[in-house]
N, C-alpha and C. Protein backbone atom coordinates (compact mmCIF):
# COMPACT_ATOMS: atom_id res chain seq x y z
N MET A 1 -8.72 -11.54 14.00
CA MET A 1 -7.70 -11.72 12.98
C MET A 1 -6.34 -11.50 13.62
N GLY A 2 -5.40 -12.38 13.41
CA GLY A 2 -4.07 -12.28 13.98
C GLY A 2 -3.19 -11.31 13.23
N PRO A 3 -1.95 -11.14 13.71
CA PRO A 3 -1.04 -10.22 13.02
C PRO A 3 -0.70 -10.74 11.63
N ARG A 4 -0.50 -9.81 10.72
CA ARG A 4 -0.14 -10.18 9.35
C ARG A 4 1.35 -10.54 9.29
N PRO A 5 1.69 -11.56 8.52
CA PRO A 5 3.11 -11.89 8.35
C PRO A 5 3.78 -10.83 7.48
N PRO A 6 5.11 -10.76 7.53
CA PRO A 6 5.80 -9.80 6.65
C PRO A 6 5.45 -10.07 5.19
N HIS A 7 5.42 -9.02 4.43
CA HIS A 7 5.12 -9.09 3.00
C HIS A 7 6.45 -9.07 2.25
N ARG A 8 6.45 -9.44 1.00
CA ARG A 8 7.71 -9.38 0.25
C ARG A 8 8.11 -7.92 0.03
N ALA A 9 9.40 -7.67 -0.01
CA ALA A 9 9.93 -6.32 -0.20
C ALA A 9 9.69 -5.86 -1.64
N ILE A 10 9.67 -4.55 -1.81
CA ILE A 10 9.56 -3.99 -3.16
C ILE A 10 10.91 -4.19 -3.84
N GLU A 11 10.90 -4.73 -5.03
CA GLU A 11 12.13 -5.00 -5.78
C GLU A 11 12.85 -3.70 -6.15
N PRO A 12 14.18 -3.66 -6.03
CA PRO A 12 14.92 -2.47 -6.49
C PRO A 12 14.62 -2.21 -7.96
N GLY A 13 14.47 -0.95 -8.31
CA GLY A 13 14.18 -0.59 -9.69
C GLY A 13 12.71 -0.65 -10.06
N SER A 14 11.86 -1.04 -9.11
CA SER A 14 10.41 -1.08 -9.38
C SER A 14 9.87 0.32 -9.60
N ARG A 15 8.77 0.39 -10.29
CA ARG A 15 8.09 1.67 -10.52
C ARG A 15 6.67 1.56 -9.97
N SER A 16 6.15 2.68 -9.56
CA SER A 16 4.78 2.72 -9.05
C SER A 16 3.80 2.34 -10.14
N CYS A 17 2.64 1.88 -9.73
CA CYS A 17 1.61 1.46 -10.68
C CYS A 17 0.97 2.64 -11.41
N CYS A 18 0.97 3.82 -10.80
CA CYS A 18 0.23 4.95 -11.37
C CYS A 18 1.11 6.05 -11.93
N CYS A 19 2.43 5.92 -11.80
CA CYS A 19 3.34 6.94 -12.33
C CYS A 19 4.76 6.35 -12.36
N PRO A 20 5.72 7.04 -12.96
CA PRO A 20 7.07 6.49 -13.07
C PRO A 20 7.93 6.67 -11.82
N SER A 21 7.36 7.18 -10.74
CA SER A 21 8.13 7.41 -9.52
C SER A 21 8.46 6.12 -8.79
N GLU A 22 9.45 6.21 -7.91
CA GLU A 22 9.83 5.07 -7.07
C GLU A 22 8.72 4.80 -6.05
N PRO A 23 8.31 3.55 -5.88
CA PRO A 23 7.27 3.25 -4.90
C PRO A 23 7.81 3.31 -3.47
N VAL A 24 6.98 3.80 -2.56
CA VAL A 24 7.35 3.85 -1.14
C VAL A 24 6.49 2.89 -0.32
N ALA A 25 5.43 2.36 -0.92
CA ALA A 25 4.54 1.46 -0.19
C ALA A 25 3.83 0.52 -1.15
N GLN A 26 3.42 -0.61 -0.57
CA GLN A 26 2.59 -1.59 -1.28
C GLN A 26 1.24 -1.62 -0.59
N VAL A 27 0.20 -1.55 -1.34
CA VAL A 27 -1.15 -1.66 -0.82
C VAL A 27 -1.70 -2.99 -1.32
N THR A 28 -2.20 -3.81 -0.42
CA THR A 28 -2.75 -5.10 -0.80
C THR A 28 -4.27 -5.04 -0.78
N LEU A 29 -4.85 -5.22 -1.96
CA LEU A 29 -6.31 -5.26 -2.09
C LEU A 29 -6.77 -6.70 -1.93
N ALA A 30 -7.73 -6.92 -1.06
CA ALA A 30 -8.24 -8.26 -0.79
C ALA A 30 -9.08 -8.76 -1.96
N PRO A 31 -9.25 -10.08 -2.05
CA PRO A 31 -10.14 -10.62 -3.07
C PRO A 31 -11.55 -10.05 -2.91
N SER A 32 -12.27 -9.99 -4.00
CA SER A 32 -13.64 -9.47 -3.98
C SER A 32 -14.49 -10.27 -4.96
N GLU A 33 -15.71 -9.84 -5.15
CA GLU A 33 -16.59 -10.52 -6.11
C GLU A 33 -16.03 -10.47 -7.52
N THR A 34 -15.30 -9.40 -7.84
CA THR A 34 -14.76 -9.25 -9.20
C THR A 34 -13.27 -9.54 -9.29
N ARG A 35 -12.64 -9.87 -8.16
CA ARG A 35 -11.20 -10.13 -8.12
C ARG A 35 -10.98 -11.41 -7.31
N ALA A 36 -10.51 -12.45 -7.95
CA ALA A 36 -10.39 -13.76 -7.30
C ALA A 36 -9.22 -13.87 -6.32
N HIS A 37 -8.27 -12.97 -6.38
CA HIS A 37 -7.08 -13.08 -5.53
C HIS A 37 -6.62 -11.70 -5.09
N GLU A 38 -5.71 -11.68 -4.10
CA GLU A 38 -5.14 -10.40 -3.66
C GLU A 38 -4.37 -9.74 -4.79
N VAL A 39 -4.36 -8.41 -4.78
CA VAL A 39 -3.60 -7.65 -5.77
C VAL A 39 -2.77 -6.61 -5.01
N ASP A 40 -1.48 -6.54 -5.34
CA ASP A 40 -0.61 -5.54 -4.75
C ASP A 40 -0.49 -4.35 -5.69
N ILE A 41 -0.62 -3.16 -5.13
CA ILE A 41 -0.45 -1.93 -5.89
C ILE A 41 0.73 -1.19 -5.28
N LEU A 42 1.69 -0.80 -6.11
CA LEU A 42 2.85 -0.04 -5.66
C LEU A 42 2.54 1.44 -5.80
N LEU A 43 2.69 2.19 -4.71
CA LEU A 43 2.37 3.62 -4.73
C LEU A 43 3.58 4.47 -4.36
N CYS A 44 3.72 5.58 -5.07
CA CYS A 44 4.73 6.59 -4.72
C CYS A 44 4.19 7.38 -3.54
N ALA A 45 5.02 8.22 -2.93
CA ALA A 45 4.61 9.00 -1.77
C ALA A 45 3.44 9.92 -2.10
N HIS A 46 3.50 10.57 -3.25
CA HIS A 46 2.43 11.50 -3.65
C HIS A 46 1.09 10.78 -3.77
N HIS A 47 1.06 9.69 -4.50
CA HIS A 47 -0.20 8.98 -4.69
C HIS A 47 -0.66 8.27 -3.42
N LEU A 48 0.26 7.88 -2.56
CA LEU A 48 -0.11 7.32 -1.27
C LEU A 48 -0.85 8.36 -0.44
N ARG A 49 -0.30 9.57 -0.39
CA ARG A 49 -0.96 10.66 0.35
C ARG A 49 -2.32 11.01 -0.27
N ARG A 50 -2.36 11.09 -1.59
CA ARG A 50 -3.61 11.48 -2.28
C ARG A 50 -4.70 10.41 -2.10
N SER A 51 -4.31 9.18 -1.88
CA SER A 51 -5.27 8.08 -1.73
C SER A 51 -5.57 7.75 -0.28
N ALA A 52 -5.00 8.49 0.66
CA ALA A 52 -5.07 8.14 2.08
C ALA A 52 -6.50 7.91 2.57
N LEU A 53 -7.39 8.82 2.28
CA LEU A 53 -8.76 8.70 2.79
C LEU A 53 -9.43 7.43 2.28
N ALA A 54 -9.33 7.17 1.00
CA ALA A 54 -9.94 5.97 0.43
C ALA A 54 -9.29 4.70 0.97
N LEU A 55 -7.97 4.71 1.11
CA LEU A 55 -7.27 3.53 1.61
C LEU A 55 -7.65 3.25 3.06
N ARG A 56 -7.67 4.28 3.89
CA ARG A 56 -8.03 4.08 5.29
C ARG A 56 -9.46 3.59 5.43
N SER A 57 -10.37 4.15 4.67
CA SER A 57 -11.78 3.76 4.80
C SER A 57 -12.03 2.35 4.29
N SER A 58 -11.20 1.86 3.39
CA SER A 58 -11.39 0.50 2.87
C SER A 58 -10.66 -0.55 3.70
N GLY A 59 -9.81 -0.12 4.64
CA GLY A 59 -9.15 -1.06 5.54
C GLY A 59 -8.12 -1.96 4.88
N VAL A 60 -7.48 -1.50 3.83
CA VAL A 60 -6.47 -2.31 3.16
C VAL A 60 -5.19 -2.39 3.99
N ALA A 61 -4.39 -3.41 3.73
CA ALA A 61 -3.08 -3.53 4.36
C ALA A 61 -2.08 -2.70 3.57
N VAL A 62 -1.24 -1.94 4.28
CA VAL A 62 -0.23 -1.10 3.64
C VAL A 62 1.13 -1.52 4.20
N TYR A 63 2.07 -1.81 3.30
CA TYR A 63 3.40 -2.26 3.68
C TYR A 63 4.45 -1.27 3.20
N ASP A 64 5.55 -1.15 3.96
CA ASP A 64 6.63 -0.26 3.54
C ASP A 64 7.50 -0.94 2.48
N GLN A 65 8.58 -0.29 2.08
CA GLN A 65 9.44 -0.81 1.01
C GLN A 65 10.08 -2.15 1.36
N LYS A 66 10.28 -2.40 2.66
CA LYS A 66 10.90 -3.66 3.09
C LYS A 66 9.89 -4.78 3.30
N GLY A 67 8.60 -4.47 3.16
CA GLY A 67 7.57 -5.48 3.33
C GLY A 67 6.99 -5.55 4.72
N ASN A 68 7.31 -4.59 5.58
CA ASN A 68 6.77 -4.56 6.94
C ASN A 68 5.42 -3.85 6.94
N LEU A 69 4.47 -4.42 7.67
CA LEU A 69 3.16 -3.80 7.80
C LEU A 69 3.32 -2.44 8.47
N ILE A 70 2.70 -1.44 7.93
CA ILE A 70 2.74 -0.11 8.53
C ILE A 70 1.66 -0.08 9.59
N GLU A 71 2.09 -0.08 10.86
CA GLU A 71 1.16 -0.13 11.99
C GLU A 71 0.39 1.18 12.16
N ASP A 72 1.03 2.30 11.84
CA ASP A 72 0.41 3.61 12.03
C ASP A 72 0.33 4.33 10.69
N PRO A 73 -0.68 4.00 9.88
CA PRO A 73 -0.77 4.62 8.56
C PRO A 73 -0.81 6.14 8.60
N ALA A 74 -1.33 6.74 9.67
CA ALA A 74 -1.39 8.20 9.75
C ALA A 74 0.01 8.80 9.67
N ARG A 75 0.99 8.09 10.21
CA ARG A 75 2.37 8.58 10.17
C ARG A 75 2.85 8.66 8.72
N VAL A 76 2.45 7.70 7.91
CA VAL A 76 2.87 7.66 6.52
C VAL A 76 1.98 8.53 5.65
N PHE A 77 0.68 8.44 5.87
CA PHE A 77 -0.26 9.17 5.03
C PHE A 77 -0.17 10.67 5.25
N GLY A 78 0.18 11.10 6.45
CA GLY A 78 0.16 12.52 6.74
C GLY A 78 -1.27 13.02 6.72
N ARG A 79 -1.43 14.28 6.42
CA ARG A 79 -2.80 14.81 6.40
C ARG A 79 -3.41 14.59 5.02
N ASP A 80 -4.71 14.46 5.00
CA ASP A 80 -5.43 14.29 3.73
C ASP A 80 -5.43 15.60 2.98
N ARG A 81 -5.33 15.49 1.69
CA ARG A 81 -5.34 16.69 0.85
C ARG A 81 -6.53 16.69 -0.04
């Protein structure tokens, strides 16, 4: 699989999918048997850290606020809690 192209940036004023906080990352869920297309989830820093283990194990793409692929998720995820 080749490098991923840049993703669209998070729109100013956007809110995270799971809380009213400002999103710091976009997680792209790939299509599956129950989902016909990719789905982007906007996550705040807290929920990004809390979801780190599940996100890493599922191999999803994680993008920063500007739409750049995060090459080193450990730097962003920090330690698992």
